[in-house]
Amino acid sequence: MYHSSRSAKERDVYRQKFVETKVWKSNFCMIGNFFLR
């Protein structure tokens, strides 16, 4: 399915960064709501 292992690896890295950013933003929002209460 993959053209090469390199492209698959790059996509995994991109997905990991995307997930980390998403988690960081959700944590930031939860912390912000906690302090705003």
Protein backbone atom coordinates (compact mmCIF):
# COMPACT_ATOMS: atom_id res chain seq x y z
CA MET A 1 0.00 0.00 0.00
CA TYR A 2 2.83 2.41 0.83
CA HIS A 3 5.10 3.57 -1.96
CA SER A 4 8.07 3.43 0.38
CA SER A 5 8.80 3.01 4.07
CA ARG A 6 10.07 6.60 4.13
CA SER A 7 6.71 8.09 3.16
CA ALA A 8 4.96 5.91 5.73
CA LYS A 9 7.40 7.04 8.40
CA GLU A 10 6.91 10.71 7.50
CA ARG A 11 3.15 10.26 7.68
CA ASP A 12 3.43 8.64 11.12
CA VAL A 13 5.57 11.54 12.34
CA TYR A 14 3.07 14.04 10.93
CA ARG A 15 0.17 12.18 12.57
CA GLN A 16 2.03 12.07 15.90
CA LYS A 17 2.67 15.81 15.80
CA PHE A 18 -0.98 16.44 14.89
CA VAL A 19 -2.18 14.30 17.82
CA GLU A 20 0.26 15.96 20.22
CA THR A 21 -0.93 19.41 19.14
CA LYS A 22 -4.55 18.33 19.55
CA VAL A 23 -3.89 16.94 23.03
CA TRP A 24 -1.96 20.07 24.04
CA LYS A 25 -4.81 22.33 22.89
CA SER A 26 -7.44 20.27 24.70
CA ASN A 27 -5.34 20.28 27.89
CA PHE A 28 -4.82 24.03 27.56
CA CYS A 29 -8.59 24.57 27.21
CA MET A 30 -9.33 22.37 30.22
CA ILE A 31 -6.76 24.21 32.35
CA GLY A 32 -8.13 27.57 31.17
CA ASN A 33 -11.69 26.55 32.08
CA PHE A 34 -10.49 25.30 35.45
CA PHE A 35 -8.91 28.66 36.32
CA LEU A 36 -11.80 30.71 34.90
CA ARG A 37 -14.37 29.07 37.19
